């Protein structure tokens, strides 16, 4: 998935970002094409669950970046990433 789009060109959506001192809530803007029903850009990286706002029960979104591309948005649904807890443990060395 590409880096988060710049504000002002689509619908704003929130996601959680695990960080060393807790869980941050971030906002980003999705271009209109990301919100189309057949677009998989806003889908869980693991299971493919739609993470578009209001879709499929609107599961919580978590950004768990790939360490090799930390600036890119890589979204997971809560069940697939243990609600970000595993990533927070990795960041703090509590594995």
N, C-alpha and C. Protein backbone atom coordinates (compact mmCIF):
# COMPACT_ATOMS: atom_id res chain seq x y z
N UNK A 1 0.85 -1.17 0.00
CA UNK A 1 0.00 0.00 0.00
C UNK A 1 0.89 1.23 0.00
N UNK A 2 0.48 2.26 -0.63
CA UNK A 2 1.28 3.48 -0.71
C UNK A 2 1.22 4.26 0.59
N UNK A 3 2.07 5.28 0.67
CA UNK A 3 2.04 6.13 1.86
C UNK A 3 0.70 6.82 1.95
N UNK A 4 0.37 7.28 3.14
CA UNK A 4 -0.92 7.93 3.37
C UNK A 4 -1.09 9.13 2.45
N UNK A 5 -2.24 9.27 1.83
CA UNK A 5 -2.48 10.40 0.92
C UNK A 5 -2.55 11.72 1.68
N UNK A 6 -2.37 12.77 0.96
CA UNK A 6 -2.43 14.09 1.58
C UNK A 6 -3.87 14.48 1.85
N UNK A 7 -4.11 15.23 2.95
CA UNK A 7 -5.48 15.64 3.28
C UNK A 7 -6.12 16.48 2.18
N UNK A 8 -7.44 16.40 2.12
CA UNK A 8 -8.19 17.26 1.22
C UNK A 8 -8.61 16.63 -0.09
N UNK A 9 -8.25 15.36 -0.35
CA UNK A 9 -8.62 14.78 -1.64
C UNK A 9 -9.51 13.55 -1.52
N UNK A 10 -10.19 13.38 -0.39
CA UNK A 10 -11.06 12.23 -0.23
C UNK A 10 -11.68 12.21 1.16
N UNK A 11 -12.19 11.04 1.56
CA UNK A 11 -12.84 10.89 2.86
C UNK A 11 -11.80 10.60 3.95
N UNK A 12 -11.93 11.27 5.09
CA UNK A 12 -11.01 11.06 6.21
C UNK A 12 -11.39 9.78 6.93
N UNK A 13 -10.39 8.98 7.29
CA UNK A 13 -10.61 7.79 8.10
C UNK A 13 -9.53 7.75 9.18
N UNK A 14 -9.88 7.14 10.29
CA UNK A 14 -8.95 7.03 11.41
C UNK A 14 -8.39 5.61 11.47
N UNK A 15 -7.18 5.50 12.00
CA UNK A 15 -6.58 4.19 12.24
C UNK A 15 -5.70 4.30 13.48
N UNK A 16 -5.37 3.17 14.06
CA UNK A 16 -4.52 3.12 15.23
C UNK A 16 -3.09 2.85 14.79
N UNK A 17 -2.16 3.49 15.48
CA UNK A 17 -0.74 3.32 15.19
C UNK A 17 -0.02 2.91 16.47
N UNK A 18 0.41 1.64 16.60
CA UNK A 18 1.18 1.26 17.78
C UNK A 18 2.50 2.03 17.81
N UNK A 19 2.82 2.58 18.95
CA UNK A 19 4.09 3.29 19.16
C UNK A 19 4.67 2.82 20.49
N UNK A 20 5.92 3.14 20.75
CA UNK A 20 6.58 2.61 21.94
C UNK A 20 5.91 3.00 23.24
N UNK A 21 5.26 4.15 23.29
CA UNK A 21 4.65 4.58 24.54
C UNK A 21 3.13 4.45 24.56
N UNK A 22 2.57 3.63 23.69
CA UNK A 22 1.12 3.42 23.69
C UNK A 22 0.55 3.28 22.31
N UNK A 23 -0.69 3.67 22.16
CA UNK A 23 -1.39 3.56 20.88
C UNK A 23 -1.82 4.94 20.44
N UNK A 24 -1.35 5.37 19.29
CA UNK A 24 -1.72 6.67 18.75
C UNK A 24 -2.91 6.49 17.80
N UNK A 25 -3.75 7.50 17.75
CA UNK A 25 -4.84 7.52 16.78
C UNK A 25 -4.43 8.50 15.70
N UNK A 26 -4.39 8.03 14.48
CA UNK A 26 -3.99 8.85 13.34
C UNK A 26 -5.18 9.02 12.41
N UNK A 27 -5.14 10.06 11.63
CA UNK A 27 -6.16 10.27 10.60
C UNK A 27 -5.47 10.43 9.27
N UNK A 28 -6.12 9.93 8.25
CA UNK A 28 -5.61 10.05 6.90
C UNK A 28 -6.79 10.30 5.97
N UNK A 29 -6.49 10.62 4.76
CA UNK A 29 -7.52 10.87 3.77
C UNK A 29 -7.39 9.85 2.65
N UNK A 30 -8.47 9.18 2.37
CA UNK A 30 -8.49 8.20 1.29
C UNK A 30 -9.00 8.85 0.02
N UNK A 31 -8.26 8.69 -1.08
CA UNK A 31 -8.79 9.17 -2.36
C UNK A 31 -10.11 8.46 -2.66
N UNK A 32 -11.00 9.11 -3.38
CA UNK A 32 -12.32 8.50 -3.67
C UNK A 32 -12.24 7.09 -4.24
N UNK A 33 -11.23 6.79 -5.06
CA UNK A 33 -11.15 5.45 -5.66
C UNK A 33 -10.86 4.38 -4.61
N UNK A 34 -10.23 4.73 -3.50
CA UNK A 34 -9.99 3.75 -2.43
C UNK A 34 -11.29 3.30 -1.79
N UNK A 35 -12.32 4.12 -1.85
CA UNK A 35 -13.58 3.84 -1.16
C UNK A 35 -14.58 3.09 -2.02
N UNK A 36 -14.24 2.83 -3.27
CA UNK A 36 -15.15 2.08 -4.14
C UNK A 36 -15.23 0.64 -3.67
N UNK A 37 -16.43 0.02 -3.71
CA UNK A 37 -16.62 -1.32 -3.17
C UNK A 37 -15.68 -2.39 -3.72
N UNK A 38 -15.26 -2.29 -4.97
CA UNK A 38 -14.40 -3.33 -5.54
C UNK A 38 -12.91 -3.03 -5.37
N UNK A 39 -12.57 -1.93 -4.71
CA UNK A 39 -11.17 -1.57 -4.52
C UNK A 39 -10.66 -2.23 -3.24
N UNK A 40 -9.53 -2.92 -3.32
CA UNK A 40 -8.98 -3.63 -2.16
C UNK A 40 -7.88 -2.84 -1.46
N UNK A 41 -7.67 -1.60 -1.82
CA UNK A 41 -6.61 -0.82 -1.19
C UNK A 41 -6.84 -0.66 0.30
N UNK A 42 -8.06 -0.39 0.71
CA UNK A 42 -8.38 -0.28 2.13
C UNK A 42 -8.92 -1.61 2.63
N UNK A 43 -8.06 -2.62 2.60
CA UNK A 43 -8.42 -3.96 3.06
C UNK A 43 -7.31 -4.46 3.98
N UNK A 44 -7.66 -5.35 4.89
CA UNK A 44 -6.68 -5.93 5.80
C UNK A 44 -5.62 -6.66 4.99
N UNK A 45 -4.37 -6.40 5.31
CA UNK A 45 -3.26 -7.03 4.62
C UNK A 45 -3.27 -8.54 4.81
N UNK A 46 -3.77 -8.99 5.96
CA UNK A 46 -3.76 -10.42 6.29
C UNK A 46 -4.95 -11.16 5.71
N UNK A 47 -6.16 -10.71 5.99
CA UNK A 47 -7.35 -11.49 5.62
C UNK A 47 -8.18 -10.87 4.50
N UNK A 48 -7.89 -9.62 4.13
CA UNK A 48 -8.63 -8.98 3.04
C UNK A 48 -9.94 -8.34 3.46
N UNK A 49 -10.28 -8.33 4.75
CA UNK A 49 -11.51 -7.71 5.25
C UNK A 49 -11.52 -6.24 4.85
N UNK A 50 -12.63 -5.75 4.36
CA UNK A 50 -12.73 -4.36 3.95
C UNK A 50 -12.61 -3.44 5.16
N UNK A 51 -11.72 -2.48 5.07
CA UNK A 51 -11.51 -1.51 6.13
C UNK A 51 -12.02 -0.13 5.73
N UNK A 52 -12.84 -0.10 4.67
CA UNK A 52 -13.46 1.17 4.29
C UNK A 52 -14.40 1.61 5.40
N UNK A 53 -14.47 2.90 5.68
CA UNK A 53 -15.40 3.37 6.71
C UNK A 53 -16.83 2.90 6.44
N UNK A 54 -17.45 2.26 7.43
CA UNK A 54 -18.82 1.80 7.32
C UNK A 54 -19.00 0.46 6.65
N UNK A 55 -17.95 -0.15 6.16
CA UNK A 55 -18.07 -1.42 5.44
C UNK A 55 -17.90 -2.61 6.38
N UNK A 56 -18.66 -3.66 6.15
CA UNK A 56 -18.51 -4.94 6.86
C UNK A 56 -18.44 -4.81 8.37
N UNK A 57 -19.22 -3.94 8.95
CA UNK A 57 -19.19 -3.81 10.40
C UNK A 57 -18.11 -2.87 10.90
N UNK A 58 -17.36 -2.28 10.01
CA UNK A 58 -16.36 -1.25 10.34
C UNK A 58 -15.40 -1.71 11.43
N UNK A 59 -14.59 -2.73 11.14
CA UNK A 59 -13.56 -3.19 12.08
C UNK A 59 -12.52 -2.09 12.29
N UNK A 60 -11.91 -2.10 13.45
CA UNK A 60 -10.83 -1.15 13.74
C UNK A 60 -9.66 -1.40 12.80
N UNK A 61 -9.00 -0.32 12.39
CA UNK A 61 -7.87 -0.39 11.48
C UNK A 61 -6.58 -0.12 12.26
N UNK A 62 -5.55 -0.89 12.00
CA UNK A 62 -4.24 -0.71 12.64
C UNK A 62 -3.18 -0.64 11.56
N UNK A 63 -2.31 0.34 11.67
CA UNK A 63 -1.19 0.43 10.75
C UNK A 63 0.00 -0.27 11.39
N UNK A 64 0.40 -1.39 10.80
CA UNK A 64 1.56 -2.15 11.25
C UNK A 64 2.56 -2.12 10.09
N UNK A 65 3.45 -1.11 10.06
CA UNK A 65 4.35 -0.97 8.92
C UNK A 65 5.32 -2.13 8.79
N UNK A 66 5.69 -2.41 7.58
CA UNK A 66 6.75 -3.36 7.30
C UNK A 66 8.05 -2.66 7.69
N UNK A 67 8.91 -3.28 8.51
CA UNK A 67 10.14 -2.61 8.93
C UNK A 67 11.02 -2.14 7.77
N UNK A 68 10.91 -2.79 6.62
CA UNK A 68 11.72 -2.37 5.47
C UNK A 68 11.14 -1.14 4.76
N UNK A 69 9.87 -0.84 4.99
CA UNK A 69 9.22 0.35 4.40
C UNK A 69 8.36 1.02 5.47
N UNK A 70 8.97 1.57 6.52
CA UNK A 70 8.19 2.07 7.66
C UNK A 70 7.30 3.27 7.37
N UNK A 71 7.53 3.98 6.28
CA UNK A 71 6.70 5.15 5.97
C UNK A 71 5.44 4.80 5.20
N UNK A 72 5.31 3.55 4.78
CA UNK A 72 4.14 3.14 4.01
C UNK A 72 3.03 2.63 4.92
N UNK A 73 1.81 3.00 4.60
CA UNK A 73 0.64 2.56 5.33
C UNK A 73 0.38 1.09 4.99
N UNK A 74 0.32 0.24 6.02
CA UNK A 74 0.02 -1.18 5.84
C UNK A 74 -1.01 -1.55 6.89
N UNK A 75 -2.26 -1.61 6.49
CA UNK A 75 -3.38 -1.75 7.42
C UNK A 75 -3.76 -3.20 7.68
N UNK A 76 -4.12 -3.46 8.95
CA UNK A 76 -4.62 -4.74 9.39
C UNK A 76 -5.90 -4.50 10.18
N UNK A 77 -6.80 -5.48 10.20
CA UNK A 77 -7.96 -5.39 11.09
C UNK A 77 -7.52 -5.86 12.47
N UNK A 78 -8.27 -5.48 13.50
CA UNK A 78 -7.92 -5.83 14.87
C UNK A 78 -7.68 -7.31 15.11
N UNK A 79 -8.58 -8.21 14.65
CA UNK A 79 -8.36 -9.63 14.90
C UNK A 79 -7.07 -10.18 14.28
N UNK A 80 -6.63 -9.64 13.17
CA UNK A 80 -5.44 -10.16 12.51
C UNK A 80 -4.13 -9.66 13.13
N UNK A 81 -4.20 -8.59 13.91
CA UNK A 81 -2.95 -8.05 14.49
C UNK A 81 -3.02 -7.98 16.01
N UNK A 82 -3.94 -8.74 16.63
CA UNK A 82 -4.08 -8.73 18.08
C UNK A 82 -4.28 -7.31 18.59
N UNK A 83 -5.09 -6.55 17.87
CA UNK A 83 -5.38 -5.15 18.19
C UNK A 83 -4.12 -4.32 18.43
N UNK A 84 -3.07 -4.64 17.70
CA UNK A 84 -1.82 -3.87 17.77
C UNK A 84 -0.91 -4.22 18.93
N UNK A 85 -1.35 -5.10 19.84
CA UNK A 85 -0.58 -5.43 21.03
C UNK A 85 0.76 -6.09 20.68
N UNK A 86 0.76 -6.99 19.71
CA UNK A 86 2.01 -7.66 19.33
C UNK A 86 3.04 -6.66 18.79
N UNK A 87 2.56 -5.69 18.01
CA UNK A 87 3.47 -4.69 17.46
C UNK A 87 4.00 -3.78 18.57
N UNK A 88 3.17 -3.42 19.53
CA UNK A 88 3.66 -2.61 20.65
C UNK A 88 4.70 -3.39 21.44
N UNK A 89 4.49 -4.69 21.63
CA UNK A 89 5.48 -5.51 22.32
C UNK A 89 6.80 -5.54 21.55
N UNK A 90 6.69 -5.66 20.23
CA UNK A 90 7.92 -5.68 19.40
C UNK A 90 8.66 -4.36 19.54
N UNK A 91 7.92 -3.25 19.50
CA UNK A 91 8.54 -1.93 19.57
C UNK A 91 9.22 -1.68 20.92
N UNK A 92 8.67 -2.22 21.98
CA UNK A 92 9.23 -1.99 23.31
C UNK A 92 10.18 -3.10 23.75
N UNK A 93 10.31 -4.13 22.94
CA UNK A 93 11.20 -5.25 23.28
C UNK A 93 10.63 -6.20 24.31
N UNK A 94 9.31 -6.20 24.49
CA UNK A 94 8.65 -7.06 25.48
C UNK A 94 8.18 -8.38 24.89
N UNK A 95 8.86 -8.89 23.90
CA UNK A 95 8.40 -10.12 23.24
C UNK A 95 8.70 -11.33 24.08
